[in-house]
């Protein structure tokens, strides 16, 4: 599956959840995801939970653009 995500895009997890902003993409230190022998592209995202800033790293396959 091809993606066209870029830094600044607003995304959500395929399974739902809060709107998140992509702040970086690539291979993130100490966070590795593999599909067989292929390393998967990851997106580091920020979002707010009430007033608390949260962050997480997700494979791009688990994200969709927010509407």
PDB file of N, CA and C in Angstrom:
ATOM      1  N   UNK A   1       0.833  -1.175   0.000  1.00  0.00           N
ATOM      2  CA  UNK A   1       0.000   0.000   0.000  1.00  0.00           C
ATOM      3  C   UNK A   1       0.885   1.248   0.000  1.00  0.00           C
ATOM      4  N   UNK A   2       0.672   2.137  -0.944  1.00  0.00           N
ATOM      5  CA  UNK A   2       1.465   3.354  -1.041  1.00  0.00           C
ATOM      6  C   UNK A   2       0.820   4.436  -0.187  1.00  0.00           C
ATOM      7  N   UNK A   3       1.649   5.246   0.460  1.00  0.00           N
ATOM      8  CA  UNK A   3       1.119   6.380   1.217  1.00  0.00           C
ATOM      9  C   UNK A   3       1.787   7.643   0.711  1.00  0.00           C
ATOM     10  N   UNK A   4       1.115   8.729   0.934  1.00  0.00           N
ATOM     11  CA  UNK A   4       1.652  10.027   0.539  1.00  0.00           C
ATOM     12  C   UNK A   4       1.691  10.962   1.732  1.00  0.00           C
ATOM     13  N   UNK A   5       1.892  10.431   2.925  1.00  0.00           N
ATOM     14  CA  UNK A   5       1.941  11.257   4.124  1.00  0.00           C
ATOM     15  C   UNK A   5       3.167  12.158   4.101  1.00  0.00           C
ATOM     16  N   UNK A   6       3.011  13.320   4.736  1.00  0.00           N
ATOM     17  CA  UNK A   6       4.136  14.244   4.887  1.00  0.00           C
ATOM     18  C   UNK A   6       4.014  14.926   6.238  1.00  0.00           C
ATOM     19  N   UNK A   7       5.126  15.496   6.690  1.00  0.00           N
ATOM     20  CA  UNK A   7       5.130  16.244   7.940  1.00  0.00           C
ATOM     21  C   UNK A   7       4.074  17.341   7.855  1.00  0.00           C
ATOM     22  N   UNK A   8       3.278  17.463   8.917  1.00  0.00           N
ATOM     23  CA  UNK A   8       2.202  18.457   8.956  1.00  0.00           C
ATOM     24  C   UNK A   8       0.834  17.888   8.682  1.00  0.00           C
ATOM     25  N   UNK A   9       0.769  16.683   8.085  1.00  0.00           N
ATOM     26  CA  UNK A   9      -0.528  16.054   7.837  1.00  0.00           C
ATOM     27  C   UNK A   9      -1.211  15.715   9.149  1.00  0.00           C
ATOM     28  N   UNK A  10      -2.544  15.802   9.146  1.00  0.00           N
ATOM     29  CA  UNK A  10      -3.346  15.406  10.291  1.00  0.00           C
ATOM     30  C   UNK A  10      -3.923  14.031   9.985  1.00  0.00           C
ATOM     31  N   UNK A  11      -3.671  13.083  10.886  1.00  0.00           N
ATOM     32  CA  UNK A  11      -4.030  11.686  10.662  1.00  0.00           C
ATOM     33  C   UNK A  11      -4.755  11.122  11.888  1.00  0.00           C
ATOM     34  N   UNK A  12      -5.367   9.968  11.698  1.00  0.00           N
ATOM     35  CA  UNK A  12      -5.923   9.179  12.796  1.00  0.00           C
ATOM     36  C   UNK A  12      -5.523   7.728  12.560  1.00  0.00           C
ATOM     37  N   UNK A  13      -5.571   6.931  13.613  1.00  0.00           N
ATOM     38  CA  UNK A  13      -5.335   5.502  13.461  1.00  0.00           C
ATOM     39  C   UNK A  13      -6.467   4.883  12.667  1.00  0.00           C
ATOM     40  N   UNK A  14      -6.177   3.826  11.928  1.00  0.00           N
ATOM     41  CA  UNK A  14      -7.210   3.097  11.182  1.00  0.00           C
ATOM     42  C   UNK A  14      -8.360   2.691  12.097  1.00  0.00           C
ATOM     43  N   UNK A  15      -8.040   2.392  13.351  1.00  0.00           N
ATOM     44  CA  UNK A  15      -9.043   1.927  14.312  1.00  0.00           C
ATOM     45  C   UNK A  15      -9.760   3.073  15.020  1.00  0.00           C
ATOM     46  N   UNK A  16      -9.398   4.328  14.697  1.00  0.00           N
ATOM     47  CA  UNK A  16     -10.031   5.486  15.322  1.00  0.00           C
ATOM     48  C   UNK A  16      -9.110   6.132  16.332  1.00  0.00           C
ATOM     49  N   UNK A  17      -9.635   7.125  17.040  1.00  0.00           N
ATOM     50  CA  UNK A  17      -8.853   7.808  18.055  1.00  0.00           C
ATOM     51  C   UNK A  17      -8.727   9.287  17.763  1.00  0.00           C
ATOM     52  N   UNK A  18      -7.846   9.973  18.492  1.00  0.00           N
ATOM     53  CA  UNK A  18      -7.717  11.416  18.329  1.00  0.00           C
ATOM     54  C   UNK A  18      -7.017  11.794  17.027  1.00  0.00           C
ATOM     55  N   UNK A  19      -7.267  13.012  16.587  1.00  0.00           N
ATOM     56  CA  UNK A  19      -6.546  13.556  15.433  1.00  0.00           C
ATOM     57  C   UNK A  19      -5.127  13.868  15.875  1.00  0.00           C
ATOM     58  N   UNK A  20      -4.156  13.478  15.055  1.00  0.00           N
ATOM     59  CA  UNK A  20      -2.740  13.640  15.390  1.00  0.00           C
ATOM     60  C   UNK A  20      -2.032  14.323  14.234  1.00  0.00           C
ATOM     61  N   UNK A  21      -0.999  15.106  14.552  1.00  0.00           N
ATOM     62  CA  UNK A  21      -0.203  15.779  13.536  1.00  0.00           C
ATOM     63  C   UNK A  21       1.136  15.062  13.382  1.00  0.00           C
ATOM     64  N   UNK A  22       1.486  14.730  12.140  1.00  0.00           N
ATOM     65  CA  UNK A  22       2.779  14.099  11.873  1.00  0.00           C
ATOM     66  C   UNK A  22       3.869  15.153  12.015  1.00  0.00           C
ATOM     67  N   UNK A  23       4.860  14.876  12.892  1.00  0.00           N
ATOM     68  CA  UNK A  23       5.962  15.817  13.103  1.00  0.00           C
ATOM     69  C   UNK A  23       7.269  15.324  12.496  1.00  0.00           C
ATOM     70  N   UNK A  24       7.387  14.029  12.223  1.00  0.00           N
ATOM     71  CA  UNK A  24       8.544  13.501  11.501  1.00  0.00           C
ATOM     72  C   UNK A  24       8.197  12.132  10.942  1.00  0.00           C
ATOM     73  N   UNK A  25       8.950  11.751   9.923  1.00  0.00           N
ATOM     74  CA  UNK A  25       8.746  10.441   9.307  1.00  0.00           C
ATOM     75  C   UNK A  25      10.091   9.790   9.082  1.00  0.00           C
ATOM     76  N   UNK A  26      10.106   8.464   9.112  1.00  0.00           N
ATOM     77  CA  UNK A  26      11.337   7.737   8.843  1.00  0.00           C
ATOM     78  C   UNK A  26      11.515   6.583   9.788  1.00  0.00           C
ATOM     79  N   UNK A  27      12.772   6.274  10.071  1.00  0.00           N
ATOM     80  CA  UNK A  27      13.131   5.215  11.006  1.00  0.00           C
ATOM     81  C   UNK A  27      13.480   5.901  12.318  1.00  0.00           C
ATOM     82  N   UNK A  28      12.702   5.677  13.342  1.00  0.00           N
ATOM     83  CA  UNK A  28      12.874   6.383  14.600  1.00  0.00           C
ATOM     84  C   UNK A  28      13.713   5.566  15.575  1.00  0.00           C
ATOM     85  N   UNK A  29      14.656   6.230  16.194  1.00  0.00           N
ATOM     86  CA  UNK A  29      15.599   5.608  17.118  1.00  0.00           C
ATOM     87  C   UNK A  29      14.872   4.779  18.180  1.00  0.00           C
ATOM     88  N   UNK A  30      15.358   3.563  18.387  1.00  0.00           N
ATOM     89  CA  UNK A  30      14.827   2.630  19.392  1.00  0.00           C
ATOM     90  C   UNK A  30      13.396   2.187  19.122  1.00  0.00           C
ATOM     91  N   UNK A  31      12.863   2.455  17.949  1.00  0.00           N
ATOM     92  CA  UNK A  31      11.520   2.010  17.581  1.00  0.00           C
ATOM     93  C   UNK A  31      11.610   1.381  16.202  1.00  0.00           C
ATOM     94  N   UNK A  32      11.533   0.069  16.158  1.00  0.00           N
ATOM     95  CA  UNK A  32      11.659  -0.628  14.890  1.00  0.00           C
ATOM     96  C   UNK A  32      10.410  -1.450  14.644  1.00  0.00           C
ATOM     97  N   UNK A  33       9.903  -1.406  13.444  1.00  0.00           N
ATOM     98  CA  UNK A  33       8.752  -2.210  13.047  1.00  0.00           C
ATOM     99  C   UNK A  33       9.122  -2.950  11.769  1.00  0.00           C
ATOM    100  N   UNK A  34       8.814  -4.223  11.724  1.00  0.00           N
ATOM    101  CA  UNK A  34       9.171  -5.040  10.574  1.00  0.00           C
ATOM    102  C   UNK A  34       7.967  -5.821  10.067  1.00  0.00           C
ATOM    103  N   UNK A  35       7.925  -6.019   8.778  1.00  0.00           N
ATOM    104  CA  UNK A  35       6.970  -6.907   8.119  1.00  0.00           C
ATOM    105  C   UNK A  35       7.827  -7.922   7.392  1.00  0.00           C
ATOM    106  N   UNK A  36       8.029  -9.076   8.019  1.00  0.00           N
ATOM    107  CA  UNK A  36       8.999 -10.029   7.495  1.00  0.00           C
ATOM    108  C   UNK A  36      10.376  -9.434   7.681  1.00  0.00           C
ATOM    109  N   UNK A  37      11.126  -9.288   6.607  1.00  0.00           N
ATOM    110  CA  UNK A  37      12.465  -8.698   6.683  1.00  0.00           C
ATOM    111  C   UNK A  37      12.482  -7.220   6.314  1.00  0.00           C
ATOM    112  N   UNK A  38      11.318  -6.688   5.961  1.00  0.00           N
ATOM    113  CA  UNK A  38      11.228  -5.305   5.500  1.00  0.00           C
ATOM    114  C   UNK A  38      10.926  -4.369   6.672  1.00  0.00           C
ATOM    115  N   UNK A  39      11.806  -3.372   6.878  1.00  0.00           N
ATOM    116  CA  UNK A  39      11.547  -2.377   7.915  1.00  0.00           C
ATOM    117  C   UNK A  39      10.464  -1.414   7.424  1.00  0.00           C
ATOM    118  N   UNK A  40       9.483  -1.145   8.274  1.00  0.00           N
ATOM    119  CA  UNK A  40       8.347  -0.316   7.891  1.00  0.00           C
ATOM    120  C   UNK A  40       8.602   1.163   8.197  1.00  0.00           C
ATOM    121  N   UNK A  41       8.103   2.034   7.318  1.00  0.00           N
ATOM    122  CA  UNK A  41       8.190   3.470   7.518  1.00  0.00           C
ATOM    123  C   UNK A  41       7.300   3.868   8.696  1.00  0.00           C
ATOM    124  N   UNK A  42       7.790   4.773   9.528  1.00  0.00           N
ATOM    125  CA  UNK A  42       7.053   5.189  10.715  1.00  0.00           C
ATOM    126  C   UNK A  42       6.835   6.694  10.727  1.00  0.00           C
ATOM    127  N   UNK A  43       5.759   7.090  11.399  1.00  0.00           N
ATOM    128  CA  UNK A  43       5.445   8.506  11.576  1.00  0.00           C
ATOM    129  C   UNK A  43       5.401   8.819  13.066  1.00  0.00           C
ATOM    130  N   UNK A  44       6.110   9.865  13.460  1.00  0.00           N
ATOM    131  CA  UNK A  44       6.035  10.346  14.841  1.00  0.00           C
ATOM    132  C   UNK A  44       4.950  11.409  14.863  1.00  0.00           C
ATOM    133  N   UNK A  45       4.002  11.249  15.788  1.00  0.00           N
ATOM    134  CA  UNK A  45       2.830  12.120  15.826  1.00  0.00           C
ATOM    135  C   UNK A  45       2.662  12.762  17.197  1.00  0.00           C
ATOM    136  N   UNK A  46       2.130  13.988  17.195  1.00  0.00           N
ATOM    137  CA  UNK A  46       1.735  14.691  18.424  1.00  0.00           C
ATOM    138  C   UNK A  46       0.224  14.876  18.399  1.00  0.00           C
ATOM    139  N   UNK A  47      -0.385  14.851  19.601  1.00  0.00           N
ATOM    140  CA  UNK A  47      -1.801  15.161  19.751  1.00  0.00           C
ATOM    141  C   UNK A  47      -2.028  15.636  21.175  1.00  0.00           C
ATOM    142  N   UNK A  48      -3.193  16.230  21.391  1.00  0.00           N
ATOM    143  CA  UNK A  48      -3.548  16.697  22.727  1.00  0.00           C
ATOM    144  C   UNK A  48      -4.595  15.782  23.341  1.00  0.00           C
ATOM    145  N   UNK A  49      -4.417  15.486  24.631  1.00  0.00           N
ATOM    146  CA  UNK A  49      -5.401  14.785  25.446  1.00  0.00           C
ATOM    147  C   UNK A  49      -5.810  15.802  26.505  1.00  0.00           C
ATOM    148  N   UNK A  50      -6.934  16.487  26.265  1.00  0.00           N
ATOM    149  CA  UNK A  50      -7.311  17.664  27.042  1.00  0.00           C
ATOM    150  C   UNK A  50      -6.208  18.699  26.870  1.00  0.00           C
ATOM    151  N   UNK A  51      -5.453  19.038  27.918  1.00  0.00           N
ATOM    152  CA  UNK A  51      -4.386  20.037  27.786  1.00  0.00           C
ATOM    153  C   UNK A  51      -3.004  19.397  27.734  1.00  0.00           C
ATOM    154  N   UNK A  52      -2.939  18.074  27.833  1.00  0.00           N
ATOM    155  CA  UNK A  52      -1.653  17.362  27.831  1.00  0.00           C
ATOM    156  C   UNK A  52      -1.215  17.023  26.419  1.00  0.00           C
ATOM    157  N   UNK A  53       0.011  17.401  26.072  1.00  0.00           N
ATOM    158  CA  UNK A  53       0.592  17.049  24.779  1.00  0.00           C
ATOM    159  C   UNK A  53       1.100  15.609  24.853  1.00  0.00           C
ATOM    160  N   UNK A  54       0.667  14.776  23.925  1.00  0.00           N
ATOM    161  CA  UNK A  54       1.070  13.373  23.854  1.00  0.00           C
ATOM    162  C   UNK A  54       1.840  13.152  22.565  1.00  0.00           C
ATOM    163  N   UNK A  55       2.607  12.061  22.513  1.00  0.00           N
ATOM    164  CA  UNK A  55       3.298  11.708  21.276  1.00  0.00           C
ATOM    165  C   UNK A  55       3.375  10.196  21.155  1.00  0.00           C
ATOM    166  N   UNK A  56       3.497   9.743  19.927  1.00  0.00           N
ATOM    167  CA  UNK A  56       3.645   8.322  19.665  1.00  0.00           C
ATOM    168  C   UNK A  56       4.248   8.110  18.295  1.00  0.00           C
ATOM    169  N   UNK A  57       4.742   6.906  18.085  1.00  0.00           N
ATOM    170  CA  UNK A  57       5.321   6.531  16.795  1.00  0.00           C
ATOM    171  C   UNK A  57       4.501   5.374  16.254  1.00  0.00           C
ATOM    172  N   UNK A  58       4.033   5.519  15.012  1.00  0.00           N
ATOM    173  CA  UNK A  58       3.126   4.561  14.393  1.00  0.00           C
ATOM    174  C   UNK A  58       3.621   4.202  12.996  1.00  0.00           C
ATOM    175  N   UNK A  59       3.392   2.965  12.576  1.00  0.00           N
ATOM    176  CA  UNK A  59       3.685   2.621  11.188  1.00  0.00           C
ATOM    177  C   UNK A  59       2.684   3.360  10.302  1.00  0.00           C
ATOM    178  N   UNK A  60       3.122   3.786   9.127  1.00  0.00           N
ATOM    179  CA  UNK A  60       2.222   4.535   8.244  1.00  0.00           C
ATOM    180  C   UNK A  60       1.054   3.667   7.786  1.00  0.00           C
ATOM    181  N   UNK A  61       1.240   2.351   7.797  1.00  0.00           N
ATOM    182  CA  UNK A  61       0.150   1.447   7.412  1.00  0.00           C
ATOM    183  C   UNK A  61      -1.004   1.488   8.409  1.00  0.00           C
ATOM    184  N   UNK A  62      -0.742   1.967   9.624  1.00  0.00           N
ATOM    185  CA  UNK A  62      -1.787   2.022  10.644  1.00  0.00           C
ATOM    186  C   UNK A  62      -2.518   3.367  10.670  1.00  0.00           C
ATOM    187  N   UNK A  63      -2.182   4.281   9.742  1.00  0.00           N
ATOM    188  CA  UNK A  63      -2.735   5.632   9.740  1.00  0.00           C
ATOM    189  C   UNK A  63      -3.544   5.924   8.490  1.00  0.00           C
ATOM    190  N   UNK A  64      -4.525   6.829   8.650  1.00  0.00           N
ATOM    191  CA  UNK A  64      -5.266   7.375   7.514  1.00  0.00           C
ATOM    192  C   UNK A  64      -5.351   8.884   7.699  1.00  0.00           C
ATOM    193  N   UNK A  65      -5.473   9.621   6.601  1.00  0.00           N
ATOM    194  CA  UNK A  65      -5.634  11.064   6.686  1.00  0.00           C
ATOM    195  C   UNK A  65      -6.953  11.390   7.372  1.00  0.00           C
ATOM    196  N   UNK A  66      -6.938  12.392   8.231  1.00  0.00           N
ATOM    197  CA  UNK A  66      -8.150  12.848   8.902  1.00  0.00           C
ATOM    198  C   UNK A  66      -8.939  13.724   7.954  1.00  0.00           C
ATOM    199  N   UNK A  67     -10.238  13.716   8.113  1.00  0.00           N
ATOM    200  CA  UNK A  67     -11.104  14.557   7.266  1.00  0.00           C
ATOM    201  C   UNK A  67     -11.346  15.888   7.906  1.00  0.00           C
TER     202      UNK A  67
END
